[in-house]
Amino acid sequence: MKLEQAIQTQGFKTQKQKAVINLMYTAYQVKCRISTVLKSYGLTPEQYNVLRILKGKYPELMCVKDISGRLIERSSNVPRIVDRLVVKKLVRRGPSLQDKRETVITLTQAGINILEIVNPILDETDISMCGLDNAELQQLNELLDKYRKE
């Protein structure tokens, strides 16, 4: 569906304005679909993102600051997210051996297990909602990187 139809508008002032709104609309659609899958496993997208980050470093431990620096949505409150994951027994928190003032976090076996269950389902969700082939996805990724000009 074209963006104009989806948000019921007649047009945009510029292509840049349309691109920005299209990015926001598409990101929201993707997040909603992912949220629906994660909700059935008692996870939020932010909690999943933290688990995914920890899995990338596993079995190494990570401090909250390092997790925060890798989050997709930087405004997330990592300590609160970690607290909820500890309650769910998906992560374990403890003092750092190098700096006693620092807290480090690692995945538990339950955290690894939930990722092994959820990741394939999210992969299928991604495939079912994406109408692009690999070459187009590569081009999209390159264009998005160029758009951000970080």
Protein backbone atom coordinates (compact mmCIF):
# COMPACT_ATOMS: atom_id res chain seq x y z
CA MET A 1 0.00 0.00 0.00
CA LYS A 2 1.25 3.44 -0.90
CA LEU A 3 2.04 5.79 1.99
CA GLU A 4 -0.53 8.33 0.81
CA GLN A 5 -3.26 5.68 1.05
CA ALA A 6 -2.05 4.35 4.39
CA ILE A 7 -2.13 7.72 6.13
CA GLN A 8 -4.86 9.20 3.94
CA THR A 9 -3.06 12.23 2.61
CA GLN A 10 -3.02 13.88 -0.80
CA GLY A 11 0.68 14.56 -0.98
CA PHE A 12 3.82 15.92 0.56
CA LYS A 13 5.64 19.23 0.17
CA THR A 14 8.94 17.54 -0.70
CA GLN A 15 10.34 14.07 -1.31
CA LYS A 16 12.44 14.51 1.85
CA GLN A 17 9.29 15.12 3.91
CA LYS A 18 7.69 12.04 2.38
CA ALA A 19 10.82 9.95 3.07
CA VAL A 20 10.90 11.00 6.74
CA ILE A 21 7.22 10.21 7.25
CA ASN A 22 7.60 6.97 5.30
CA LEU A 23 10.50 5.92 7.55
CA MET A 24 8.52 6.73 10.69
CA TYR A 25 5.41 4.94 9.43
CA THR A 26 7.34 1.87 8.28
CA ALA A 27 9.35 1.67 11.53
CA TYR A 28 6.11 1.84 13.50
CA GLN A 29 4.56 -0.96 11.41
CA VAL A 30 7.62 -3.17 11.89
CA LYS A 31 7.70 -2.48 15.64
CA CYS A 32 4.00 -3.31 15.99
CA ARG A 33 4.42 -6.66 14.26
CA ILE A 34 7.48 -7.50 16.33
CA SER A 35 5.71 -6.38 19.51
CA THR A 36 2.83 -8.73 18.76
CA VAL A 37 5.17 -11.71 18.51
CA LEU A 38 7.17 -10.74 21.60
CA LYS A 39 4.08 -10.04 23.70
CA SER A 40 3.08 -13.70 23.53
CA TYR A 41 6.44 -14.50 25.20
CA GLY A 42 6.09 -11.78 27.83
CA LEU A 43 8.72 -9.52 26.26
CA THR A 44 8.77 -5.94 25.03
CA PRO A 45 10.86 -4.88 22.02
CA GLU A 46 13.21 -3.06 24.40
CA GLN A 47 13.70 -6.18 26.54
CA TYR A 48 14.29 -8.25 23.41
CA ASN A 49 16.86 -5.71 22.23
CA VAL A 50 18.76 -6.02 25.54
CA LEU A 51 18.65 -9.83 25.32
CA ARG A 52 19.88 -9.66 21.73
CA ILE A 53 22.78 -7.39 22.74
CA LEU A 54 23.76 -9.69 25.61
CA LYS A 55 23.59 -12.71 23.29
CA GLY A 56 26.01 -10.97 20.92
CA LYS A 57 28.63 -10.75 23.70
CA TYR A 58 27.78 -14.02 25.45
CA PRO A 59 29.47 -15.51 27.48
CA GLU A 60 31.15 -12.17 28.22
CA LEU A 61 29.55 -9.93 30.83
CA MET A 62 28.33 -6.44 29.95
CA CYS A 63 27.79 -3.35 32.05
CA VAL A 64 24.67 -1.22 31.75
CA LYS A 65 26.61 1.59 30.05
CA ASP A 66 27.81 -0.73 27.28
CA ILE A 67 24.30 -2.08 26.74
CA SER A 68 22.93 1.47 26.60
CA GLY A 69 25.42 2.38 23.88
CA ARG A 70 24.17 -0.43 21.64
CA LEU A 71 20.42 0.06 22.02
CA ILE A 72 18.31 0.88 18.97
CA GLU A 73 16.24 3.35 21.02
CA ARG A 74 18.81 5.18 23.14
CA SER A 75 16.27 6.78 25.46
CA SER A 76 15.37 3.45 26.98
CA ASN A 77 15.92 3.07 30.71
CA VAL A 78 18.35 0.14 30.73
CA PRO A 79 18.46 -0.42 34.52
CA ARG A 80 14.66 -0.73 34.59
CA ILE A 81 14.68 -3.09 31.60
CA VAL A 82 17.40 -5.21 33.24
CA ASP A 83 15.42 -5.27 36.51
CA ARG A 84 12.43 -6.75 34.66
CA LEU A 85 14.62 -9.30 32.88
CA VAL A 86 16.16 -10.33 36.23
CA VAL A 87 12.66 -10.88 37.67
CA LYS A 88 11.86 -13.05 34.63
CA LYS A 89 15.13 -14.93 35.27
CA LEU A 90 16.34 -14.21 31.72
CA VAL A 91 19.47 -12.35 32.87
CA ARG A 92 21.69 -12.36 35.92
CA ARG A 93 23.23 -9.27 37.47
CA GLY A 94 26.29 -9.12 39.68
CA PRO A 95 29.23 -6.95 40.72
CA SER A 96 32.12 -6.48 38.31
CA LEU A 97 35.38 -8.14 39.33
CA GLN A 98 37.36 -5.19 37.90
CA ASP A 99 35.29 -2.35 39.41
CA LYS A 100 33.11 -3.10 42.44
CA ARG A 101 31.02 0.02 41.73
CA GLU A 102 29.97 -1.39 38.37
CA THR A 103 27.20 -3.93 37.82
CA VAL A 104 27.55 -6.51 35.05
CA ILE A 105 24.85 -8.49 33.34
CA THR A 106 24.81 -11.82 31.51
CA LEU A 107 22.21 -14.06 29.96
CA THR A 108 20.90 -17.03 31.90
CA GLN A 109 20.12 -20.32 30.20
CA ALA A 110 16.46 -19.28 30.23
CA GLY A 111 17.42 -16.09 28.36
CA ILE A 112 19.31 -18.10 25.75
CA ASN A 113 16.36 -20.49 25.43
CA ILE A 114 13.81 -17.70 24.88
CA LEU A 115 16.01 -16.20 22.15
CA GLU A 116 16.29 -19.59 20.45
CA ILE A 117 12.49 -19.78 20.39
CA VAL A 118 11.72 -16.16 19.47
CA ASN A 119 14.42 -15.49 16.85
CA PRO A 120 13.11 -17.97 14.24
CA ILE A 121 9.56 -16.66 14.72
CA LEU A 122 10.76 -13.08 14.25
CA ASP A 123 12.72 -14.16 11.16
CA GLU A 124 9.51 -15.60 9.70
CA THR A 125 7.65 -12.40 10.60
CA ASP A 126 10.34 -10.37 8.83
CA ILE A 127 10.06 -12.55 5.72
CA SER A 128 6.27 -12.45 5.60
CA MET A 129 6.11 -8.66 5.88
CA CYS A 130 8.96 -7.84 3.52
CA GLY A 131 8.41 -7.60 -0.22
CA LEU A 132 12.09 -7.09 -1.06
CA ASP A 133 14.67 -9.55 -2.35
CA ASN A 134 18.25 -9.69 -1.02
CA ALA A 135 19.64 -7.25 -3.60
CA GLU A 136 16.88 -4.75 -2.79
CA LEU A 137 17.45 -5.21 0.95
CA GLN A 138 21.16 -4.51 0.46
CA GLN A 139 20.32 -1.38 -1.52
CA LEU A 140 17.82 -0.30 1.15
CA ASN A 141 20.44 -0.76 3.88
CA GLU A 142 22.97 1.27 1.90
CA LEU A 143 20.43 4.04 1.30
CA LEU A 144 19.42 4.15 4.97
CA ASP A 145 23.09 4.35 6.02
CA LYS A 146 23.62 7.15 3.51
CA TYR A 147 20.44 8.93 4.67
CA ARG A 148 21.68 9.04 8.28
CA LYS A 149 25.17 10.26 7.28
CA GLU A 150 26.53 9.45 10.71
